[in-house]
Structures are given as structure tokens and as C-alpha cells.
């Protein structure tokens, strides 16, 4: 989905996958749960405050269209985040 969103946004990706395997790594990275997308080093879907302490075994929830919650951001929201990062770079 991320590659598809990048193509739709007209963005060339330099993708890095980072595995968070311990609570210590999660605290250090301020990891809010999996999956987390960082665009230009920032989390475009960051909540105002985390729902829990940073931990590596937490699942992430994303707001979806129509007020629903899901395990991934909506494709359109991801495209918009990539376009915004491109325009503000």
C-alpha cells in the first residue's frame, strides 16, 4: 500500500524498515505501535497523546473514513501525507 500511495503522490521513496524488538527500543524510538509510518522523519498520523506507554508489542489503530478504526491508515490519507511532505520539503 505504501508503494502504491507513493506512486499516486508522485513521490520517489527511500524506504527503510526498522524492527522494534524490545521495550527498551520502543521507549527510545517513542514507538506508538505497529505499523507506524514515518514520512520525512515524522509520524503524520501521530495521536495528540499516546494511548499507552511505548512498547514493541502494541498494535496501532488508525482513524478510517466514516469514523471507523482500522489497522492501517486509509490509502487517501497516506497519499495526502506524502504529498504534504513533498510540498513542504
N, C-alpha and C. Protein backbone atom coordinates (compact mmCIF):
# COMPACT_ATOMS: atom_id res chain seq x y z
N UNK A 1 0.83 -1.19 0.00
CA UNK A 1 0.00 0.00 0.00
C UNK A 1 0.87 1.25 0.00
N UNK A 2 1.98 1.22 0.73
CA UNK A 2 2.84 2.40 0.79
C UNK A 2 3.45 2.71 -0.57
N UNK A 3 3.90 1.70 -1.28
CA UNK A 3 4.46 1.93 -2.62
C UNK A 3 3.39 2.48 -3.57
N UNK A 4 2.18 1.95 -3.49
CA UNK A 4 1.08 2.43 -4.31
C UNK A 4 0.74 3.89 -3.97
N UNK A 5 0.72 4.21 -2.69
CA UNK A 5 0.43 5.59 -2.27
C UNK A 5 1.53 6.54 -2.75
N UNK A 6 2.78 6.10 -2.69
CA UNK A 6 3.89 6.94 -3.16
C UNK A 6 3.77 7.20 -4.66
N UNK A 7 3.41 6.18 -5.42
CA UNK A 7 3.23 6.37 -6.87
C UNK A 7 2.09 7.35 -7.13
N UNK A 8 0.99 7.22 -6.40
CA UNK A 8 -0.15 8.12 -6.57
C UNK A 8 0.21 9.56 -6.19
N UNK A 9 1.12 9.71 -5.21
CA UNK A 9 1.52 11.05 -4.76
C UNK A 9 2.64 11.63 -5.62
N UNK A 10 3.20 10.82 -6.52
CA UNK A 10 4.32 11.29 -7.34
C UNK A 10 5.59 11.45 -6.54
N UNK A 11 5.77 10.56 -5.57
CA UNK A 11 6.91 10.64 -4.67
C UNK A 11 7.82 9.44 -4.88
N UNK A 12 9.12 9.69 -5.01
CA UNK A 12 10.07 8.59 -5.03
C UNK A 12 10.41 8.25 -3.59
N UNK A 13 10.33 6.97 -3.26
CA UNK A 13 10.55 6.56 -1.88
C UNK A 13 11.97 6.08 -1.64
N UNK A 14 12.47 6.43 -0.49
CA UNK A 14 13.68 5.84 0.07
C UNK A 14 13.17 5.13 1.31
N UNK A 15 12.80 3.88 1.16
CA UNK A 15 12.12 3.13 2.21
C UNK A 15 13.10 2.39 3.09
N UNK A 16 12.92 2.54 4.38
CA UNK A 16 13.70 1.79 5.36
C UNK A 16 12.72 1.14 6.33
N UNK A 17 12.94 -0.12 6.58
CA UNK A 17 12.13 -0.84 7.55
C UNK A 17 12.96 -0.99 8.83
N UNK A 18 12.37 -0.61 9.94
CA UNK A 18 13.06 -0.70 11.23
C UNK A 18 12.27 -1.65 12.11
N UNK A 19 12.94 -2.65 12.62
CA UNK A 19 12.29 -3.60 13.52
C UNK A 19 12.51 -3.16 14.96
N UNK A 20 11.42 -3.01 15.69
CA UNK A 20 11.47 -2.71 17.12
C UNK A 20 11.21 -4.03 17.83
N UNK A 21 12.20 -4.51 18.56
CA UNK A 21 12.10 -5.86 19.11
C UNK A 21 12.06 -5.92 20.63
N UNK A 22 12.27 -4.78 21.29
CA UNK A 22 12.27 -4.79 22.75
C UNK A 22 11.55 -3.55 23.27
N UNK A 23 11.12 -3.62 24.51
CA UNK A 23 10.50 -2.45 25.13
C UNK A 23 11.49 -1.28 25.20
N UNK A 24 12.76 -1.58 25.44
CA UNK A 24 13.76 -0.51 25.51
C UNK A 24 13.88 0.21 24.17
N UNK A 25 13.89 -0.53 23.08
CA UNK A 25 13.93 0.09 21.75
C UNK A 25 12.67 0.91 21.50
N UNK A 26 11.54 0.39 21.92
CA UNK A 26 10.27 1.10 21.74
C UNK A 26 10.27 2.41 22.50
N UNK A 27 10.74 2.41 23.73
CA UNK A 27 10.81 3.66 24.51
C UNK A 27 11.76 4.65 23.85
N UNK A 28 12.93 4.16 23.42
CA UNK A 28 13.93 5.05 22.80
C UNK A 28 13.40 5.67 21.50
N UNK A 29 12.68 4.89 20.71
CA UNK A 29 12.14 5.37 19.44
C UNK A 29 10.79 6.05 19.61
N UNK A 30 10.25 6.03 20.83
CA UNK A 30 8.91 6.56 21.11
C UNK A 30 7.90 5.91 20.17
N UNK A 31 7.99 4.60 20.07
CA UNK A 31 7.23 3.78 19.12
C UNK A 31 5.79 3.60 19.59
N UNK A 32 4.82 4.12 18.82
CA UNK A 32 3.42 4.04 19.26
C UNK A 32 2.70 2.75 18.88
N UNK A 33 3.36 1.85 18.17
CA UNK A 33 2.73 0.59 17.80
C UNK A 33 2.94 0.28 16.33
N UNK A 34 2.58 -0.92 15.97
CA UNK A 34 2.81 -1.41 14.63
C UNK A 34 1.50 -1.52 13.85
N UNK A 35 1.54 -1.09 12.61
CA UNK A 35 2.63 -0.45 11.87
C UNK A 35 2.64 1.06 12.09
N UNK A 36 3.83 1.62 12.05
CA UNK A 36 4.00 3.06 12.13
C UNK A 36 4.71 3.53 10.87
N UNK A 37 4.18 4.55 10.24
CA UNK A 37 4.78 5.13 9.04
C UNK A 37 5.40 6.46 9.43
N UNK A 38 6.66 6.66 9.06
CA UNK A 38 7.31 7.96 9.23
C UNK A 38 7.53 8.54 7.84
N UNK A 39 7.13 9.78 7.65
CA UNK A 39 7.29 10.48 6.39
C UNK A 39 8.19 11.66 6.66
N UNK A 40 9.35 11.68 6.03
CA UNK A 40 10.35 12.73 6.27
C UNK A 40 10.67 12.82 7.76
N UNK A 41 10.72 11.66 8.41
CA UNK A 41 11.11 11.60 9.81
C UNK A 41 10.02 11.88 10.82
N UNK A 42 8.79 12.15 10.37
CA UNK A 42 7.72 12.42 11.32
C UNK A 42 6.53 11.50 11.07
N UNK A 43 5.76 11.30 12.10
CA UNK A 43 4.58 10.43 12.05
C UNK A 43 3.37 11.27 11.66
N UNK A 44 2.89 11.17 10.41
CA UNK A 44 1.77 12.02 10.00
C UNK A 44 0.44 11.63 10.65
N UNK A 45 0.41 10.51 11.33
CA UNK A 45 -0.82 10.03 11.97
C UNK A 45 -0.69 9.99 13.48
N UNK A 46 0.27 10.73 14.02
CA UNK A 46 0.53 10.69 15.46
C UNK A 46 -0.67 11.21 16.25
N UNK A 47 -1.09 10.48 17.26
CA UNK A 47 -2.15 10.99 18.13
C UNK A 47 -1.60 12.12 18.99
N UNK A 48 -2.49 12.95 19.51
CA UNK A 48 -2.06 14.04 20.38
C UNK A 48 -1.28 13.51 21.57
N UNK A 49 -1.71 12.38 22.08
CA UNK A 49 -1.01 11.71 23.18
C UNK A 49 -1.14 10.21 22.95
N UNK A 50 -0.08 9.46 23.21
CA UNK A 50 -0.18 8.02 23.01
C UNK A 50 -1.21 7.39 23.95
N UNK A 51 -1.85 6.35 23.47
CA UNK A 51 -2.87 5.67 24.27
C UNK A 51 -2.24 4.75 25.31
N UNK A 52 -0.94 4.56 25.23
CA UNK A 52 -0.25 3.64 26.13
C UNK A 52 1.21 4.03 26.22
N UNK A 53 1.91 3.42 27.14
CA UNK A 53 3.35 3.59 27.21
C UNK A 53 3.95 2.99 25.94
N UNK A 54 5.08 3.48 25.50
CA UNK A 54 5.70 2.96 24.30
C UNK A 54 6.14 1.52 24.53
N UNK A 55 5.70 0.63 23.65
CA UNK A 55 6.04 -0.78 23.79
C UNK A 55 6.06 -1.45 22.42
N UNK A 56 6.91 -2.45 22.29
CA UNK A 56 7.09 -3.05 20.98
C UNK A 56 5.97 -4.00 20.59
N UNK A 57 5.18 -4.50 21.53
CA UNK A 57 4.16 -5.49 21.19
C UNK A 57 2.76 -4.88 21.09
N UNK A 58 2.69 -3.57 20.87
CA UNK A 58 1.40 -2.90 20.76
C UNK A 58 0.97 -2.79 19.30
N UNK A 59 -0.31 -2.93 19.06
CA UNK A 59 -0.86 -2.73 17.72
C UNK A 59 -1.30 -1.27 17.59
N UNK A 60 -1.20 -0.76 16.41
CA UNK A 60 -1.57 0.62 16.13
C UNK A 60 -2.97 0.65 15.54
N UNK A 61 -3.74 1.64 15.86
CA UNK A 61 -5.07 1.82 15.28
C UNK A 61 -5.10 3.15 14.55
N UNK A 62 -5.74 3.16 13.39
CA UNK A 62 -5.83 4.36 12.56
C UNK A 62 -7.29 4.74 12.34
N UNK A 63 -7.56 6.03 12.37
CA UNK A 63 -8.91 6.52 12.03
C UNK A 63 -9.13 6.29 10.55
N UNK A 64 -10.30 5.78 10.21
CA UNK A 64 -10.65 5.48 8.83
C UNK A 64 -11.84 6.35 8.42
N UNK A 65 -12.08 6.48 7.13
CA UNK A 65 -13.24 7.26 6.68
C UNK A 65 -14.54 6.73 7.32
N UNK A 66 -15.43 7.63 7.60
CA UNK A 66 -16.71 7.25 8.19
C UNK A 66 -16.64 7.01 9.68
N UNK A 67 -15.51 7.40 10.31
CA UNK A 67 -15.40 7.25 11.76
C UNK A 67 -14.97 5.88 12.24
N UNK A 68 -14.65 4.99 11.31
CA UNK A 68 -14.22 3.65 11.71
C UNK A 68 -12.75 3.66 12.11
N UNK A 69 -12.32 2.59 12.75
CA UNK A 69 -10.93 2.40 13.15
C UNK A 69 -10.41 1.16 12.44
N UNK A 70 -9.15 1.20 11.98
CA UNK A 70 -8.58 0.06 11.30
C UNK A 70 -7.10 -0.11 11.61
N UNK A 71 -6.50 -1.21 11.15
CA UNK A 71 -5.10 -1.49 11.44
C UNK A 71 -4.12 -0.76 10.53
N UNK A 72 -4.63 -0.10 9.48
CA UNK A 72 -3.79 0.64 8.54
C UNK A 72 -4.46 1.98 8.26
N UNK A 73 -3.67 2.99 7.90
CA UNK A 73 -4.29 4.26 7.51
C UNK A 73 -5.03 4.07 6.19
N UNK A 74 -6.00 4.90 5.92
CA UNK A 74 -6.68 4.88 4.63
C UNK A 74 -5.67 5.28 3.56
N UNK A 75 -5.77 4.67 2.39
CA UNK A 75 -4.84 4.95 1.29
C UNK A 75 -4.82 6.44 0.98
N UNK A 76 -5.98 7.08 0.92
CA UNK A 76 -6.05 8.51 0.63
C UNK A 76 -5.34 9.35 1.67
N UNK A 77 -5.41 8.95 2.93
CA UNK A 77 -4.71 9.68 3.99
C UNK A 77 -3.21 9.54 3.84
N UNK A 78 -2.77 8.36 3.44
CA UNK A 78 -1.34 8.14 3.24
C UNK A 78 -0.84 8.93 2.03
N UNK A 79 -1.61 8.95 0.95
CA UNK A 79 -1.25 9.76 -0.22
C UNK A 79 -1.17 11.23 0.18
N UNK A 80 -2.14 11.73 0.92
CA UNK A 80 -2.13 13.12 1.35
C UNK A 80 -0.92 13.45 2.20
N UNK A 81 -0.53 12.55 3.10
CA UNK A 81 0.65 12.77 3.94
C UNK A 81 1.91 12.84 3.09
N UNK A 82 2.01 11.99 2.07
CA UNK A 82 3.19 12.01 1.19
C UNK A 82 3.22 13.27 0.34
N UNK A 83 2.08 13.69 -0.17
CA UNK A 83 2.01 14.93 -0.96
C UNK A 83 2.40 16.12 -0.09
N UNK A 84 1.87 16.17 1.13
CA UNK A 84 2.20 17.27 2.04
C UNK A 84 3.71 17.32 2.32
N UNK A 85 4.29 16.16 2.57
CA UNK A 85 5.75 16.12 2.84
C UNK A 85 6.54 16.58 1.62
N UNK A 86 6.09 16.20 0.44
CA UNK A 86 6.77 16.63 -0.80
C UNK A 86 6.66 18.14 -0.97
N UNK A 87 5.50 18.69 -0.70
CA UNK A 87 5.28 20.13 -0.89
C UNK A 87 6.00 20.99 0.14
N UNK A 88 6.26 20.44 1.31
CA UNK A 88 6.91 21.21 2.37
C UNK A 88 8.39 20.91 2.52
N UNK A 89 8.92 20.07 1.63
CA UNK A 89 10.35 19.71 1.71
C UNK A 89 11.22 20.82 1.17
